[in-house]
Amino acid sequence: MKRALLLLALTGLSLAQSETEITGNPEIYEGLVLGIGPGTLAVVVAMIIAMIMCLFKDSIEAPNVCVAAAIALPLIVLGIVRGLPVRSLKTD
């Protein structure tokens, strides 16, 4: 009886998988790093580096320059990422 139920469950599972249709654009999920795109990851890393820079602002002679650089760093990275070409997601 248990084997029959197991066989029935596996048959139903295989039918469900064969009838599943992928919709949308699955290619947008290719190349993700930690679940986010590489451009977003670059901006997040730049923000983390900028926060670390702000922690050490008191150890240099010009703390305002350090804070300004820490603010500018993620903005520059964001500008570079926004300027890069984007893959087209048009479907046939």
PDB file of N, CA and C in Angstrom:
ATOM      1  N   MET A   1       0.828  -1.195   0.000  1.00  0.00           N
ATOM      2  CA  MET A   1       0.000   0.000   0.000  1.00  0.00           C
ATOM      3  C   MET A   1       0.868   1.252   0.000  1.00  0.00           C
ATOM      4  N   LYS A   2       1.961   1.231   0.793  1.00  0.00           N
ATOM      5  CA  LYS A   2       2.825   2.401   0.855  1.00  0.00           C
ATOM      6  C   LYS A   2       3.527   2.639  -0.467  1.00  0.00           C
ATOM      7  N   ARG A   3       3.909   1.558  -1.136  1.00  0.00           N
ATOM      8  CA  ARG A   3       4.568   1.699  -2.435  1.00  0.00           C
ATOM      9  C   ARG A   3       3.613   2.276  -3.472  1.00  0.00           C
ATOM     10  N   ALA A   4       2.373   1.874  -3.410  1.00  0.00           N
ATOM     11  CA  ALA A   4       1.391   2.400  -4.356  1.00  0.00           C
ATOM     12  C   ALA A   4       1.185   3.902  -4.140  1.00  0.00           C
ATOM     13  N   LEU A   5       1.111   4.330  -2.873  1.00  0.00           N
ATOM     14  CA  LEU A   5       0.945   5.756  -2.589  1.00  0.00           C
ATOM     15  C   LEU A   5       2.180   6.548  -3.023  1.00  0.00           C
ATOM     16  N   LEU A   6       3.354   5.977  -2.816  1.00  0.00           N
ATOM     17  CA  LEU A   6       4.573   6.640  -3.218  1.00  0.00           C
ATOM     18  C   LEU A   6       4.641   6.767  -4.742  1.00  0.00           C
ATOM     19  N   LEU A   7       4.279   5.707  -5.451  1.00  0.00           N
ATOM     20  CA  LEU A   7       4.266   5.736  -6.910  1.00  0.00           C
ATOM     21  C   LEU A   7       3.255   6.753  -7.420  1.00  0.00           C
ATOM     22  N   LEU A   8       2.088   6.823  -6.797  1.00  0.00           N
ATOM     23  CA  LEU A   8       1.057   7.784  -7.184  1.00  0.00           C
ATOM     24  C   LEU A   8       1.543   9.222  -6.939  1.00  0.00           C
ATOM     25  N   ALA A   9       2.208   9.446  -5.806  1.00  0.00           N
ATOM     26  CA  ALA A   9       2.717  10.785  -5.493  1.00  0.00           C
ATOM     27  C   ALA A   9       3.806  11.198  -6.483  1.00  0.00           C
ATOM     28  N   LEU A  10       4.712  10.278  -6.813  1.00  0.00           N
ATOM     29  CA  LEU A  10       5.769  10.595  -7.771  1.00  0.00           C
ATOM     30  C   LEU A  10       5.210  10.847  -9.165  1.00  0.00           C
ATOM     31  N   THR A  11       4.197  10.103  -9.557  1.00  0.00           N
ATOM     32  CA  THR A  11       3.566  10.311 -10.860  1.00  0.00           C
ATOM     33  C   THR A  11       2.898  11.682 -10.911  1.00  0.00           C
ATOM     34  N   GLY A  12       2.206  12.032  -9.857  1.00  0.00           N
ATOM     35  CA  GLY A  12       1.566  13.351  -9.809  1.00  0.00           C
ATOM     36  C   GLY A  12       2.575  14.481  -9.825  1.00  0.00           C
ATOM     37  N   LEU A  13       3.685  14.279  -9.144  1.00  0.00           N
ATOM     38  CA  LEU A  13       4.735  15.292  -9.122  1.00  0.00           C
ATOM     39  C   LEU A  13       5.350  15.473 -10.497  1.00  0.00           C
ATOM     40  N   SER A  14       5.593  14.375 -11.190  1.00  0.00           N
ATOM     41  CA  SER A  14       6.181  14.482 -12.521  1.00  0.00           C
ATOM     42  C   SER A  14       5.215  15.138 -13.498  1.00  0.00           C
ATOM     43  N   LEU A  15       3.934  14.876 -13.368  1.00  0.00           N
ATOM     44  CA  LEU A  15       2.946  15.537 -14.224  1.00  0.00           C
ATOM     45  C   LEU A  15       2.879  17.027 -13.921  1.00  0.00           C
ATOM     46  N   ALA A  16       2.942  17.386 -12.667  1.00  0.00           N
ATOM     47  CA  ALA A  16       2.890  18.796 -12.281  1.00  0.00           C
ATOM     48  C   ALA A  16       4.109  19.542 -12.810  1.00  0.00           C
ATOM     49  N   GLN A  17       5.272  18.903 -12.790  1.00  0.00           N
ATOM     50  CA  GLN A  17       6.476  19.552 -13.293  1.00  0.00           C
ATOM     51  C   GLN A  17       6.441  19.697 -14.803  1.00  0.00           C
ATOM     52  N   SER A  18       5.887  18.734 -15.496  1.00  0.00           N
ATOM     53  CA  SER A  18       5.850  18.811 -16.958  1.00  0.00           C
ATOM     54  C   SER A  18       4.841  19.847 -17.435  1.00  0.00           C
ATOM     55  N   GLU A  19       3.831  20.158 -16.643  1.00  0.00           N
ATOM     56  CA  GLU A  19       2.826  21.135 -17.037  1.00  0.00           C
ATOM     57  C   GLU A  19       3.161  22.552 -16.578  1.00  0.00           C
ATOM     58  N   THR A  20       4.198  22.707 -15.774  1.00  0.00           N
ATOM     59  CA  THR A  20       4.578  24.025 -15.290  1.00  0.00           C
ATOM     60  C   THR A  20       5.175  24.822 -16.437  1.00  0.00           C
ATOM     61  N   GLU A  21       4.645  26.028 -16.638  1.00  0.00           N
ATOM     62  CA  GLU A  21       5.120  26.889 -17.713  1.00  0.00           C
ATOM     63  C   GLU A  21       5.849  28.078 -17.105  1.00  0.00           C
ATOM     64  N   ILE A  22       7.035  28.359 -17.604  1.00  0.00           N
ATOM     65  CA  ILE A  22       7.798  29.497 -17.123  1.00  0.00           C
ATOM     66  C   ILE A  22       7.302  30.739 -17.850  1.00  0.00           C
ATOM     67  N   THR A  23       6.881  31.722 -17.070  1.00  0.00           N
ATOM     68  CA  THR A  23       6.373  32.956 -17.657  1.00  0.00           C
ATOM     69  C   THR A  23       7.316  34.108 -17.320  1.00  0.00           C
ATOM     70  N   GLY A  24       7.161  35.189 -18.013  1.00  0.00           N
ATOM     71  CA  GLY A  24       7.977  36.364 -17.742  1.00  0.00           C
ATOM     72  C   GLY A  24       9.321  36.278 -18.431  1.00  0.00           C
ATOM     73  N   ASN A  25      10.310  36.885 -17.831  1.00  0.00           N
ATOM     74  CA  ASN A  25      11.665  36.917 -18.377  1.00  0.00           C
ATOM     75  C   ASN A  25      12.619  36.240 -17.406  1.00  0.00           C
ATOM     76  N   PRO A  26      12.816  34.939 -17.517  1.00  0.00           N
ATOM     77  CA  PRO A  26      13.717  34.259 -16.568  1.00  0.00           C
ATOM     78  C   PRO A  26      15.166  34.697 -16.709  1.00  0.00           C
ATOM     79  N   GLU A  27      15.531  35.328 -17.845  1.00  0.00           N
ATOM     80  CA  GLU A  27      16.921  35.745 -18.015  1.00  0.00           C
ATOM     81  C   GLU A  27      17.309  36.896 -17.087  1.00  0.00           C
ATOM     82  N   ILE A  28      16.341  37.571 -16.475  1.00  0.00           N
ATOM     83  CA  ILE A  28      16.689  38.657 -15.559  1.00  0.00           C
ATOM     84  C   ILE A  28      17.268  38.120 -14.257  1.00  0.00           C
ATOM     85  N   TYR A  29      17.100  36.840 -13.990  1.00  0.00           N
ATOM     86  CA  TYR A  29      17.631  36.246 -12.772  1.00  0.00           C
ATOM     87  C   TYR A  29      19.020  35.658 -12.966  1.00  0.00           C
ATOM     88  N   GLU A  30      19.572  35.751 -14.174  1.00  0.00           N
ATOM     89  CA  GLU A  30      20.912  35.235 -14.443  1.00  0.00           C
ATOM     90  C   GLU A  30      21.937  36.282 -14.023  1.00  0.00           C
ATOM     91  N   GLY A  31      23.006  35.859 -13.405  1.00  0.00           N
ATOM     92  CA  GLY A  31      24.083  36.768 -13.038  1.00  0.00           C
ATOM     93  C   GLY A  31      23.875  37.521 -11.736  1.00  0.00           C
ATOM     94  N   LEU A  32      22.935  37.102 -10.920  1.00  0.00           N
ATOM     95  CA  LEU A  32      22.710  37.778  -9.648  1.00  0.00           C
ATOM     96  C   LEU A  32      23.800  37.393  -8.651  1.00  0.00           C
ATOM     97  N   VAL A  33      24.177  38.340  -7.818  1.00  0.00           N
ATOM     98  CA  VAL A  33      25.167  38.108  -6.767  1.00  0.00           C
ATOM     99  C   VAL A  33      24.465  38.378  -5.440  1.00  0.00           C
ATOM    100  N   LEU A  34      24.361  37.345  -4.604  1.00  0.00           N
ATOM    101  CA  LEU A  34      23.658  37.456  -3.321  1.00  0.00           C
ATOM    102  C   LEU A  34      22.207  37.906  -3.503  1.00  0.00           C
ATOM    103  N   GLY A  35      21.620  37.565  -4.610  1.00  0.00           N
ATOM    104  CA  GLY A  35      20.217  37.901  -4.855  1.00  0.00           C
ATOM    105  C   GLY A  35      20.000  39.288  -5.413  1.00  0.00           C
ATOM    106  N   ILE A  36      21.055  40.052  -5.641  1.00  0.00           N
ATOM    107  CA  ILE A  36      20.918  41.382  -6.231  1.00  0.00           C
ATOM    108  C   ILE A  36      21.837  41.486  -7.436  1.00  0.00           C
ATOM    109  N   GLY A  37      21.580  42.439  -8.276  1.00  0.00           N
ATOM    110  CA  GLY A  37      22.397  42.624  -9.464  1.00  0.00           C
ATOM    111  C   GLY A  37      23.780  43.160  -9.131  1.00  0.00           C
ATOM    112  N   PRO A  38      24.715  43.013 -10.051  1.00  0.00           N
ATOM    113  CA  PRO A  38      26.080  43.466  -9.781  1.00  0.00           C
ATOM    114  C   PRO A  38      26.188  44.979  -9.601  1.00  0.00           C
ATOM    115  N   GLY A  39      25.357  45.756 -10.273  1.00  0.00           N
ATOM    116  CA  GLY A  39      25.384  47.207 -10.097  1.00  0.00           C
ATOM    117  C   GLY A  39      24.911  47.621  -8.719  1.00  0.00           C
ATOM    118  N   THR A  40      23.851  47.000  -8.258  1.00  0.00           N
ATOM    119  CA  THR A  40      23.348  47.286  -6.918  1.00  0.00           C
ATOM    120  C   THR A  40      24.359  46.869  -5.870  1.00  0.00           C
ATOM    121  N   LEU A  41      25.018  45.747  -6.096  1.00  0.00           N
ATOM    122  CA  LEU A  41      26.049  45.292  -5.174  1.00  0.00           C
ATOM    123  C   LEU A  41      27.208  46.289  -5.112  1.00  0.00           C
ATOM    124  N   ALA A  42      27.585  46.847  -6.255  1.00  0.00           N
ATOM    125  CA  ALA A  42      28.665  47.832  -6.278  1.00  0.00           C
ATOM    126  C   ALA A  42      28.294  49.071  -5.469  1.00  0.00           C
ATOM    127  N   VAL A  43      27.054  49.519  -5.593  1.00  0.00           N
ATOM    128  CA  VAL A  43      26.606  50.691  -4.827  1.00  0.00           C
ATOM    129  C   VAL A  43      26.575  50.378  -3.334  1.00  0.00           C
ATOM    130  N   VAL A  44      26.120  49.202  -2.963  1.00  0.00           N
ATOM    131  CA  VAL A  44      26.064  48.818  -1.547  1.00  0.00           C
ATOM    132  C   VAL A  44      27.471  48.735  -0.958  1.00  0.00           C
ATOM    133  N   VAL A  45      28.409  48.151  -1.700  1.00  0.00           N
ATOM    134  CA  VAL A  45      29.789  48.066  -1.224  1.00  0.00           C
ATOM    135  C   VAL A  45      30.386  49.469  -1.080  1.00  0.00           C
ATOM    136  N   ALA A  46      30.092  50.357  -2.035  1.00  0.00           N
ATOM    137  CA  ALA A  46      30.588  51.737  -1.934  1.00  0.00           C
ATOM    138  C   ALA A  46      29.999  52.438  -0.719  1.00  0.00           C
ATOM    139  N   MET A  47      28.746  52.158  -0.392  1.00  0.00           N
ATOM    140  CA  MET A  47      28.135  52.756   0.797  1.00  0.00           C
ATOM    141  C   MET A  47      28.802  52.247   2.071  1.00  0.00           C
ATOM    142  N   ILE A  48      29.117  50.966   2.112  1.00  0.00           N
ATOM    143  CA  ILE A  48      29.785  50.403   3.292  1.00  0.00           C
ATOM    144  C   ILE A  48      31.179  51.017   3.452  1.00  0.00           C
ATOM    145  N   ILE A  49      31.902  51.152   2.338  1.00  0.00           N
ATOM    146  CA  ILE A  49      33.230  51.778   2.398  1.00  0.00           C
ATOM    147  C   ILE A  49      33.110  53.231   2.855  1.00  0.00           C
ATOM    148  N   ALA A  50      32.087  53.937   2.375  1.00  0.00           N
ATOM    149  CA  ALA A  50      31.880  55.323   2.772  1.00  0.00           C
ATOM    150  C   ALA A  50      31.577  55.437   4.264  1.00  0.00           C
ATOM    151  N   MET A  51      30.796  54.515   4.805  1.00  0.00           N
ATOM    152  CA  MET A  51      30.515  54.544   6.247  1.00  0.00           C
ATOM    153  C   MET A  51      31.794  54.294   7.055  1.00  0.00           C
ATOM    154  N   ILE A  52      32.643  53.394   6.571  1.00  0.00           N
ATOM    155  CA  ILE A  52      33.914  53.142   7.258  1.00  0.00           C
ATOM    156  C   ILE A  52      34.799  54.383   7.185  1.00  0.00           C
ATOM    157  N   MET A  53      34.775  55.067   6.043  1.00  0.00           N
ATOM    158  CA  MET A  53      35.537  56.312   5.923  1.00  0.00           C
ATOM    159  C   MET A  53      35.069  57.343   6.942  1.00  0.00           C
ATOM    160  N   CYS A  54      33.776  57.425   7.165  1.00  0.00           N
ATOM    161  CA  CYS A  54      33.240  58.385   8.139  1.00  0.00           C
ATOM    162  C   CYS A  54      33.675  58.031   9.562  1.00  0.00           C
ATOM    163  N   LEU A  55      33.881  56.775   9.841  1.00  0.00           N
ATOM    164  CA  LEU A  55      34.344  56.387  11.173  1.00  0.00           C
ATOM    165  C   LEU A  55      35.759  56.893  11.463  1.00  0.00           C
ATOM    166  N   PHE A  56      36.571  57.022  10.417  1.00  0.00           N
ATOM    167  CA  PHE A  56      37.961  57.430  10.591  1.00  0.00           C
ATOM    168  C   PHE A  56      38.190  58.907  10.265  1.00  0.00           C
ATOM    169  N   LYS A  57      37.130  59.701  10.194  1.00  0.00           N
ATOM    170  CA  LYS A  57      37.287  61.106   9.830  1.00  0.00           C
ATOM    171  C   LYS A  57      38.067  61.896  10.865  1.00  0.00           C
ATOM    172  N   ASP A  58      38.026  61.504  12.113  1.00  0.00           N
ATOM    173  CA  ASP A  58      38.733  62.236  13.163  1.00  0.00           C
ATOM    174  C   ASP A  58      40.227  61.938  13.188  1.00  0.00           C
ATOM    175  N   SER A  59      40.666  60.957  12.428  1.00  0.00           N
ATOM    176  CA  SER A  59      42.084  60.600  12.449  1.00  0.00           C
ATOM    177  C   SER A  59      42.892  61.347  11.392  1.00  0.00           C
ATOM    178  N   ILE A  60      42.244  62.197  10.602  1.00  0.00           N
ATOM    179  CA  ILE A  60      42.982  62.976   9.605  1.00  0.00           C
ATOM    180  C   ILE A  60      42.825  64.460   9.911  1.00  0.00           C
ATOM    181  N   GLU A  61      43.622  65.278   9.225  1.00  0.00           N
ATOM    182  CA  GLU A  61      43.620  66.708   9.508  1.00  0.00           C
ATOM    183  C   GLU A  61      42.413  67.431   8.938  1.00  0.00           C
ATOM    184  N   ALA A  62      41.806  66.901   7.889  1.00  0.00           N
ATOM    185  CA  ALA A  62      40.667  67.561   7.246  1.00  0.00           C
ATOM    186  C   ALA A  62      39.452  66.634   7.265  1.00  0.00           C
ATOM    187  N   PRO A  63      38.729  66.608   8.390  1.00  0.00           N
ATOM    188  CA  PRO A  63      37.595  65.683   8.471  1.00  0.00           C
ATOM    189  C   PRO A  63      36.460  66.027   7.507  1.00  0.00           C
ATOM    190  N   ASN A  64      36.298  67.293   7.184  1.00  0.00           N
ATOM    191  CA  ASN A  64      35.238  67.678   6.244  1.00  0.00           C
ATOM    192  C   ASN A  64      35.502  67.122   4.848  1.00  0.00           C
ATOM    193  N   VAL A  65      36.761  67.095   4.458  1.00  0.00           N
ATOM    194  CA  VAL A  65      37.112  66.531   3.158  1.00  0.00           C
ATOM    195  C   VAL A  65      36.834  65.027   3.152  1.00  0.00           C
ATOM    196  N   CYS A  66      37.130  64.367   4.251  1.00  0.00           N
ATOM    197  CA  CYS A  66      36.884  62.926   4.348  1.00  0.00           C
ATOM    198  C   CYS A  66      35.391  62.627   4.255  1.00  0.00           C
ATOM    199  N   VAL A  67      34.577  63.414   4.931  1.00  0.00           N
ATOM    200  CA  VAL A  67      33.130  63.208   4.888  1.00  0.00           C
ATOM    201  C   VAL A  67      32.587  63.514   3.492  1.00  0.00           C
ATOM    202  N   ALA A  68      33.103  64.571   2.863  1.00  0.00           N
ATOM    203  CA  ALA A  68      32.668  64.894   1.503  1.00  0.00           C
ATOM    204  C   ALA A  68      33.027  63.774   0.529  1.00  0.00           C
ATOM    205  N   ALA A  69      34.224  63.199   0.694  1.00  0.00           N
ATOM    206  CA  ALA A  69      34.621  62.070  -0.163  1.00  0.00           C
ATOM    207  C   ALA A  69      33.747  60.853   0.111  1.00  0.00           C
ATOM    208  N   ALA A  70      33.402  60.644   1.381  1.00  0.00           N
ATOM    209  CA  ALA A  70      32.542  59.508   1.729  1.00  0.00           C
ATOM    210  C   ALA A  70      31.144  59.681   1.153  1.00  0.00           C
ATOM    211  N   ILE A  71      30.667  60.912   1.074  1.00  0.00           N
ATOM    212  CA  ILE A  71      29.350  61.164   0.464  1.00  0.00           C
ATOM    213  C   ILE A  71      29.431  61.010  -1.045  1.00  0.00           C
ATOM    214  N   ALA A  72      30.538  61.457  -1.630  1.00  0.00           N
ATOM    215  CA  ALA A  72      30.680  61.429  -3.086  1.00  0.00           C
ATOM    216  C   ALA A  72      30.916  60.024  -3.632  1.00  0.00           C
ATOM    217  N   LEU A  73      31.559  59.171  -2.864  1.00  0.00           N
ATOM    218  CA  LEU A  73      31.914  57.834  -3.362  1.00  0.00           C
ATOM    219  C   LEU A  73      30.705  57.028  -3.846  1.00  0.00           C
ATOM    220  N   PRO A  74      29.648  56.847  -3.038  1.00  0.00           N
ATOM    221  CA  PRO A  74      28.502  56.086  -3.557  1.00  0.00           C
ATOM    222  C   PRO A  74      27.793  56.791  -4.710  1.00  0.00           C
ATOM    223  N   LEU A  75      27.813  58.126  -4.708  1.00  0.00           N
ATOM    224  CA  LEU A  75      27.173  58.865  -5.798  1.00  0.00           C
ATOM    225  C   LEU A  75      27.932  58.672  -7.107  1.00  0.00           C
ATOM    226  N   ILE A  76      29.260  58.659  -7.030  1.00  0.00           N
ATOM    227  CA  ILE A  76      30.061  58.413  -8.234  1.00  0.00           C
ATOM    228  C   ILE A  76      29.833  56.999  -8.752  1.00  0.00           C
ATOM    229  N   VAL A  77      29.820  56.029  -7.854  1.00  0.00           N
ATOM    230  CA  VAL A  77      29.575  54.635  -8.259  1.00  0.00           C
ATOM    231  C   VAL A  77      28.184  54.494  -8.865  1.00  0.00           C
ATOM    232  N   LEU A  78      27.192  55.135  -8.263  1.00  0.00           N
ATOM    233  CA  LEU A  78      25.833  55.097  -8.813  1.00  0.00           C
ATOM    234  C   LEU A  78      25.791  55.723 -10.200  1.00  0.00           C
ATOM    235  N   GLY A  79      26.504  56.830 -10.389  1.00  0.00           N
ATOM    236  CA  GLY A  79      26.552  57.454 -11.710  1.00  0.00           C
ATOM    237  C   GLY A  79      27.188  56.555 -12.749  1.00  0.00           C
ATOM    238  N   ILE A  80      28.241  55.850 -12.367  1.00  0.00           N
ATOM    239  CA  ILE A  80      28.892  54.917 -13.294  1.00  0.00           C
ATOM    240  C   ILE A  80      27.945  53.776 -13.645  1.00  0.00           C
ATOM    241  N   VAL A  81      27.274  53.236 -12.645  1.00  0.00           N
ATOM    242  CA  VAL A  81      26.358  52.117 -12.886  1.00  0.00           C
ATOM    243  C   VAL A  81      25.195  52.566 -13.770  1.00  0.00           C
ATOM    244  N   ARG A  82      24.678  53.756 -13.518  1.00  0.00           N
ATOM    245  CA  ARG A  82      23.561  54.258 -14.335  1.00  0.00           C
ATOM    246  C   ARG A  82      23.995  54.511 -15.772  1.00  0.00           C
ATOM    247  N   GLY A  83      25.270  54.828 -15.975  1.00  0.00           N
ATOM    248  CA  GLY A  83      25.766  55.103 -17.314  1.00  0.00           C
ATOM    249  C   GLY A  83      26.058  53.868 -18.139  1.00  0.00           C
ATOM    250  N   LEU A  84      26.148  52.718 -17.503  1.00  0.00           N
ATOM    251  CA  LEU A  84      26.432  51.484 -18.234  1.00  0.00           C
ATOM    252  C   LEU A  84      25.216  51.040 -19.041  1.00  0.00           C
ATOM    253  N   PRO A  85      25.421  50.405 -20.182  1.00  0.00           N
ATOM    254  CA  PRO A  85      24.281  49.921 -20.972  1.00  0.00           C
ATOM    255  C   PRO A  85      23.566  48.769 -20.272  1.00  0.00           C
ATOM    256  N   VAL A  86      22.273  48.675 -20.519  1.00  0.00           N
ATOM    257  CA  VAL A  86      21.438  47.650 -19.900  1.00  0.00           C
ATOM    258  C   VAL A  86      21.037  46.639 -20.957  1.00  0.00           C
ATOM    259  N   ARG A  87      21.035  45.371 -20.580  1.00  0.00           N
ATOM    260  CA  ARG A  87      20.560  44.334 -21.503  1.00  0.00           C
ATOM    261  C   ARG A  87      19.085  44.530 -21.783  1.00  0.00           C
ATOM    262  N   SER A  88      18.686  44.287 -22.987  1.00  0.00           N
ATOM    263  CA  SER A  88      17.280  44.401 -23.361  1.00  0.00           C
ATOM    264  C   SER A  88      16.499  43.208 -22.844  1.00  0.00           C
ATOM    265  N   LEU A  89      15.293  43.469 -22.343  1.00  0.00           N
ATOM    266  CA  LEU A  89      14.431  42.399 -21.855  1.00  0.00           C
ATOM    267  C   LEU A  89      13.241  42.148 -22.781  1.00  0.00           C
ATOM    268  N   LYS A  90      13.346  42.585 -24.017  1.00  0.00           N
ATOM    269  CA  LYS A  90      12.257  42.385 -24.987  1.00  0.00           C
ATOM    270  C   LYS A  90      12.135  40.902 -25.322  1.00  0.00           C
ATOM    271  N   THR A  91      10.912  40.442 -25.398  1.00  0.00           N
ATOM    272  CA  THR A  91      10.668  39.038 -25.776  1.00  0.00           C
ATOM    273  C   THR A  91      10.165  38.975 -27.198  1.00  0.00           C
ATOM    274  N   ASP A  92      10.398  37.841 -27.836  1.00  0.00           N
ATOM    275  CA  ASP A  92       9.962  37.663 -29.231  1.00  0.00           C
ATOM    276  C   ASP A  92       8.474  37.416 -29.288  1.00  0.00           C
TER     277      ASP A  92
END
